[in-house]
Amino acid sequence: MPPAAEFHVLATGFDDHSLYVPKPRDEPLLWTVNYGSGRVFATMLGNDMGAVHTPGFIATFVRGTEWAATGAVTIPAPPELE
């Protein structure tokens, strides 16, 4: 992951795994970063086949990749997520 000053966090998830994390904290799940003259969208969501078929994952993945490719997001969020 790039240094925190270089990326823009879009969403976090609460990590309460006290066995390996001294303090529970929010961890980045969706973020963007510029890379040279390009753009990167990263997602930590979708760790199994069930997860990648959910409306939330599909919407963030499609909209994030559109932004990375074009610099804009024109694909609307599904109504069930608004």
N, C-alpha and C. Protein backbone atom coordinates (compact mmCIF):
# COMPACT_ATOMS: atom_id res chain seq x y z
N MET A 1 0.86 -1.18 0.00
CA MET A 1 0.00 0.00 0.00
C MET A 1 0.90 1.23 0.00
N PRO A 2 0.54 2.26 -0.76
CA PRO A 2 1.36 3.47 -0.80
C PRO A 2 1.31 4.22 0.52
N PRO A 3 2.25 5.15 0.72
CA PRO A 3 2.19 5.97 1.94
C PRO A 3 0.85 6.69 2.07
N ALA A 4 0.37 6.84 3.29
CA ALA A 4 -0.97 7.40 3.54
C ALA A 4 -1.16 8.76 2.90
N ALA A 5 -0.13 9.56 2.80
CA ALA A 5 -0.27 10.90 2.23
C ALA A 5 -0.59 10.84 0.73
N GLU A 6 -0.34 9.71 0.08
CA GLU A 6 -0.50 9.62 -1.36
C GLU A 6 -1.83 9.04 -1.81
N PHE A 7 -2.61 8.43 -0.92
CA PHE A 7 -3.85 7.83 -1.38
C PHE A 7 -5.07 8.43 -0.70
N HIS A 8 -6.21 8.29 -1.37
CA HIS A 8 -7.46 8.85 -0.89
C HIS A 8 -8.38 7.69 -0.50
N VAL A 9 -8.69 7.59 0.79
CA VAL A 9 -9.53 6.50 1.28
C VAL A 9 -10.99 6.83 1.02
N LEU A 10 -11.70 5.90 0.37
CA LEU A 10 -13.12 6.06 0.07
C LEU A 10 -14.01 5.36 1.09
N ALA A 11 -13.53 4.24 1.65
CA ALA A 11 -14.31 3.49 2.63
C ALA A 11 -13.38 2.70 3.54
N THR A 12 -13.81 2.54 4.78
CA THR A 12 -13.03 1.78 5.76
C THR A 12 -13.91 0.70 6.38
N GLY A 13 -13.26 -0.22 7.05
CA GLY A 13 -13.95 -1.26 7.80
C GLY A 13 -13.31 -1.37 9.17
N PHE A 14 -14.11 -1.60 10.19
CA PHE A 14 -13.60 -1.68 11.55
C PHE A 14 -12.93 -3.02 11.79
N ASP A 15 -11.70 -3.01 12.26
CA ASP A 15 -10.93 -4.21 12.56
C ASP A 15 -10.81 -4.35 14.06
N ASP A 16 -11.42 -5.37 14.62
CA ASP A 16 -11.39 -5.59 16.07
C ASP A 16 -10.72 -6.93 16.39
N HIS A 17 -9.68 -7.25 15.68
CA HIS A 17 -8.97 -8.50 15.92
C HIS A 17 -7.89 -8.27 16.97
N SER A 18 -8.29 -8.22 18.21
CA SER A 18 -7.38 -7.87 19.29
C SER A 18 -6.26 -8.88 19.48
N LEU A 19 -6.34 -10.04 18.86
CA LEU A 19 -5.26 -11.02 18.98
C LEU A 19 -4.01 -10.58 18.22
N TYR A 20 -4.17 -9.84 17.13
CA TYR A 20 -2.99 -9.44 16.36
C TYR A 20 -2.89 -7.94 16.13
N VAL A 21 -3.86 -7.18 16.54
CA VAL A 21 -3.81 -5.72 16.40
C VAL A 21 -3.87 -5.13 17.81
N PRO A 22 -2.84 -4.38 18.20
CA PRO A 22 -2.85 -3.84 19.57
C PRO A 22 -4.08 -2.98 19.87
N LYS A 23 -4.50 -2.18 18.92
CA LYS A 23 -5.68 -1.33 19.10
C LYS A 23 -6.64 -1.58 17.95
N PRO A 24 -7.91 -1.84 18.25
CA PRO A 24 -8.89 -1.93 17.15
C PRO A 24 -8.91 -0.62 16.37
N ARG A 25 -9.07 -0.71 15.07
CA ARG A 25 -9.04 0.51 14.25
C ARG A 25 -9.76 0.28 12.94
N ASP A 26 -10.07 1.39 12.27
CA ASP A 26 -10.63 1.34 10.92
C ASP A 26 -9.49 1.09 9.94
N GLU A 27 -9.70 0.16 9.02
CA GLU A 27 -8.71 -0.16 7.99
C GLU A 27 -9.27 0.23 6.63
N PRO A 28 -8.43 0.75 5.73
CA PRO A 28 -8.90 1.11 4.38
C PRO A 28 -9.41 -0.11 3.62
N LEU A 29 -10.57 0.02 2.98
CA LEU A 29 -11.13 -1.04 2.14
C LEU A 29 -11.22 -0.63 0.68
N LEU A 30 -11.48 0.65 0.43
CA LEU A 30 -11.53 1.19 -0.93
C LEU A 30 -10.68 2.44 -0.95
N TRP A 31 -9.78 2.55 -1.92
CA TRP A 31 -9.00 3.77 -2.03
C TRP A 31 -8.56 4.02 -3.46
N THR A 32 -8.13 5.27 -3.71
CA THR A 32 -7.60 5.65 -5.01
C THR A 32 -6.23 6.26 -4.80
N VAL A 33 -5.43 6.19 -5.84
CA VAL A 33 -4.10 6.81 -5.81
C VAL A 33 -3.70 7.12 -7.25
N ASN A 34 -3.03 8.24 -7.43
CA ASN A 34 -2.48 8.56 -8.74
C ASN A 34 -1.18 7.78 -8.91
N TYR A 35 -0.92 7.32 -10.12
CA TYR A 35 0.29 6.54 -10.41
C TYR A 35 0.86 7.07 -11.71
N GLY A 36 1.87 7.91 -11.60
CA GLY A 36 2.39 8.58 -12.79
C GLY A 36 1.29 9.45 -13.37
N SER A 37 0.98 9.24 -14.64
CA SER A 37 -0.12 10.00 -15.25
C SER A 37 -1.42 9.20 -15.24
N GLY A 38 -1.43 8.07 -14.56
CA GLY A 38 -2.63 7.24 -14.49
C GLY A 38 -3.30 7.30 -13.13
N ARG A 39 -4.37 6.53 -12.99
CA ARG A 39 -5.15 6.47 -11.75
C ARG A 39 -5.35 5.01 -11.37
N VAL A 40 -5.35 4.75 -10.06
CA VAL A 40 -5.54 3.39 -9.55
C VAL A 40 -6.72 3.41 -8.59
N PHE A 41 -7.61 2.44 -8.75
CA PHE A 41 -8.68 2.19 -7.80
C PHE A 41 -8.41 0.83 -7.19
N ALA A 42 -8.38 0.75 -5.86
CA ALA A 42 -8.12 -0.52 -5.18
C ALA A 42 -9.28 -0.86 -4.26
N THR A 43 -9.63 -2.15 -4.24
CA THR A 43 -10.68 -2.62 -3.36
C THR A 43 -10.19 -3.85 -2.61
N MET A 44 -10.49 -3.92 -1.35
CA MET A 44 -10.19 -5.09 -0.54
C MET A 44 -11.45 -5.93 -0.34
N LEU A 45 -12.54 -5.52 -0.97
CA LEU A 45 -13.80 -6.26 -0.88
C LEU A 45 -13.78 -7.42 -1.87
N GLY A 46 -14.64 -8.40 -1.64
CA GLY A 46 -14.80 -9.49 -2.60
C GLY A 46 -13.83 -10.63 -2.40
N ASN A 47 -13.71 -11.11 -1.18
CA ASN A 47 -12.73 -12.15 -0.89
C ASN A 47 -13.23 -13.56 -1.20
N ASP A 48 -14.43 -13.71 -1.71
CA ASP A 48 -14.91 -15.03 -2.14
C ASP A 48 -15.96 -14.84 -3.23
N MET A 49 -16.33 -15.94 -3.86
CA MET A 49 -17.25 -15.83 -5.01
C MET A 49 -18.63 -15.31 -4.62
N GLY A 50 -19.08 -15.60 -3.41
CA GLY A 50 -20.36 -15.05 -2.97
C GLY A 50 -20.31 -13.54 -2.86
N ALA A 51 -19.21 -13.02 -2.35
CA ALA A 51 -19.07 -11.58 -2.15
C ALA A 51 -19.01 -10.81 -3.46
N VAL A 52 -18.37 -11.37 -4.48
CA VAL A 52 -18.24 -10.63 -5.74
C VAL A 52 -19.55 -10.58 -6.53
N HIS A 53 -20.56 -11.29 -6.09
CA HIS A 53 -21.86 -11.25 -6.77
C HIS A 53 -22.87 -10.36 -6.05
N THR A 54 -22.44 -9.60 -5.06
CA THR A 54 -23.36 -8.73 -4.34
C THR A 54 -23.46 -7.38 -5.05
N PRO A 55 -24.61 -6.71 -4.94
CA PRO A 55 -24.76 -5.40 -5.59
C PRO A 55 -23.71 -4.37 -5.12
N GLY A 56 -23.35 -4.40 -3.85
CA GLY A 56 -22.37 -3.45 -3.34
C GLY A 56 -21.00 -3.63 -3.97
N PHE A 57 -20.54 -4.87 -4.07
CA PHE A 57 -19.24 -5.11 -4.70
C PHE A 57 -19.28 -4.74 -6.17
N ILE A 58 -20.31 -5.19 -6.87
CA ILE A 58 -20.40 -4.92 -8.30
C ILE A 58 -20.41 -3.41 -8.57
N ALA A 59 -21.18 -2.67 -7.81
CA ALA A 59 -21.27 -1.22 -8.01
C ALA A 59 -19.93 -0.54 -7.75
N THR A 60 -19.26 -0.87 -6.66
CA THR A 60 -17.98 -0.22 -6.37
C THR A 60 -16.92 -0.63 -7.39
N PHE A 61 -16.91 -1.88 -7.80
CA PHE A 61 -15.92 -2.34 -8.77
C PHE A 61 -16.10 -1.67 -10.13
N VAL A 62 -17.33 -1.66 -10.63
CA VAL A 62 -17.60 -1.07 -11.95
C VAL A 62 -17.36 0.43 -11.93
N ARG A 63 -17.87 1.11 -10.92
CA ARG A 63 -17.69 2.56 -10.84
C ARG A 63 -16.23 2.94 -10.59
N GLY A 64 -15.53 2.15 -9.78
CA GLY A 64 -14.12 2.43 -9.52
C GLY A 64 -13.25 2.24 -10.74
N THR A 65 -13.51 1.19 -11.50
CA THR A 65 -12.71 0.97 -12.70
C THR A 65 -13.05 2.00 -13.79
N GLU A 66 -14.31 2.44 -13.83
CA GLU A 66 -14.65 3.51 -14.78
C GLU A 66 -13.88 4.78 -14.43
N TRP A 67 -13.81 5.11 -13.15
CA TRP A 67 -13.06 6.30 -12.73
C TRP A 67 -11.59 6.15 -13.09
N ALA A 68 -11.01 4.98 -12.82
CA ALA A 68 -9.59 4.77 -13.12
C ALA A 68 -9.31 4.92 -14.62
N ALA A 69 -10.24 4.47 -15.44
CA ALA A 69 -10.05 4.52 -16.89
C ALA A 69 -10.29 5.90 -17.48
N THR A 70 -11.26 6.64 -16.92
CA THR A 70 -11.68 7.89 -17.58
C THR A 70 -11.51 9.14 -16.73
N GLY A 71 -11.41 8.98 -15.42
CA GLY A 71 -11.33 10.15 -14.53
C GLY A 71 -12.70 10.66 -14.11
N ALA A 72 -13.76 9.97 -14.52
CA ALA A 72 -15.12 10.38 -14.16
C ALA A 72 -15.95 9.13 -13.87
N VAL A 73 -17.03 9.33 -13.15
CA VAL A 73 -17.96 8.24 -12.89
C VAL A 73 -19.33 8.66 -13.42
N THR A 74 -19.79 7.93 -14.45
CA THR A 74 -21.09 8.21 -15.04
C THR A 74 -22.09 7.09 -14.79
N ILE A 75 -21.61 5.93 -14.40
CA ILE A 75 -22.50 4.79 -14.13
C ILE A 75 -23.20 5.05 -12.82
N PRO A 76 -24.54 5.08 -12.82
CA PRO A 76 -25.26 5.37 -11.57
C PRO A 76 -25.18 4.19 -10.59
N ALA A 77 -25.26 4.53 -9.31
CA ALA A 77 -25.34 3.49 -8.28
C ALA A 77 -26.69 2.81 -8.41
N PRO A 78 -26.74 1.50 -8.15
CA PRO A 78 -28.03 0.81 -8.21
C PRO A 78 -28.99 1.39 -7.18
N PRO A 79 -30.27 1.43 -7.49
CA PRO A 79 -31.25 2.02 -6.55
C PRO A 79 -31.22 1.39 -5.17
N GLU A 80 -30.95 0.09 -5.07
CA GLU A 80 -30.93 -0.56 -3.75
C GLU A 80 -29.77 -0.10 -2.87
N LEU A 81 -28.80 0.62 -3.44
CA LEU A 81 -27.68 1.12 -2.65
C LEU A 81 -27.79 2.60 -2.31
N GLU A 82 -28.77 3.25 -2.86
CA GLU A 82 -28.92 4.70 -2.59
C GLU A 82 -29.70 4.95 -1.33
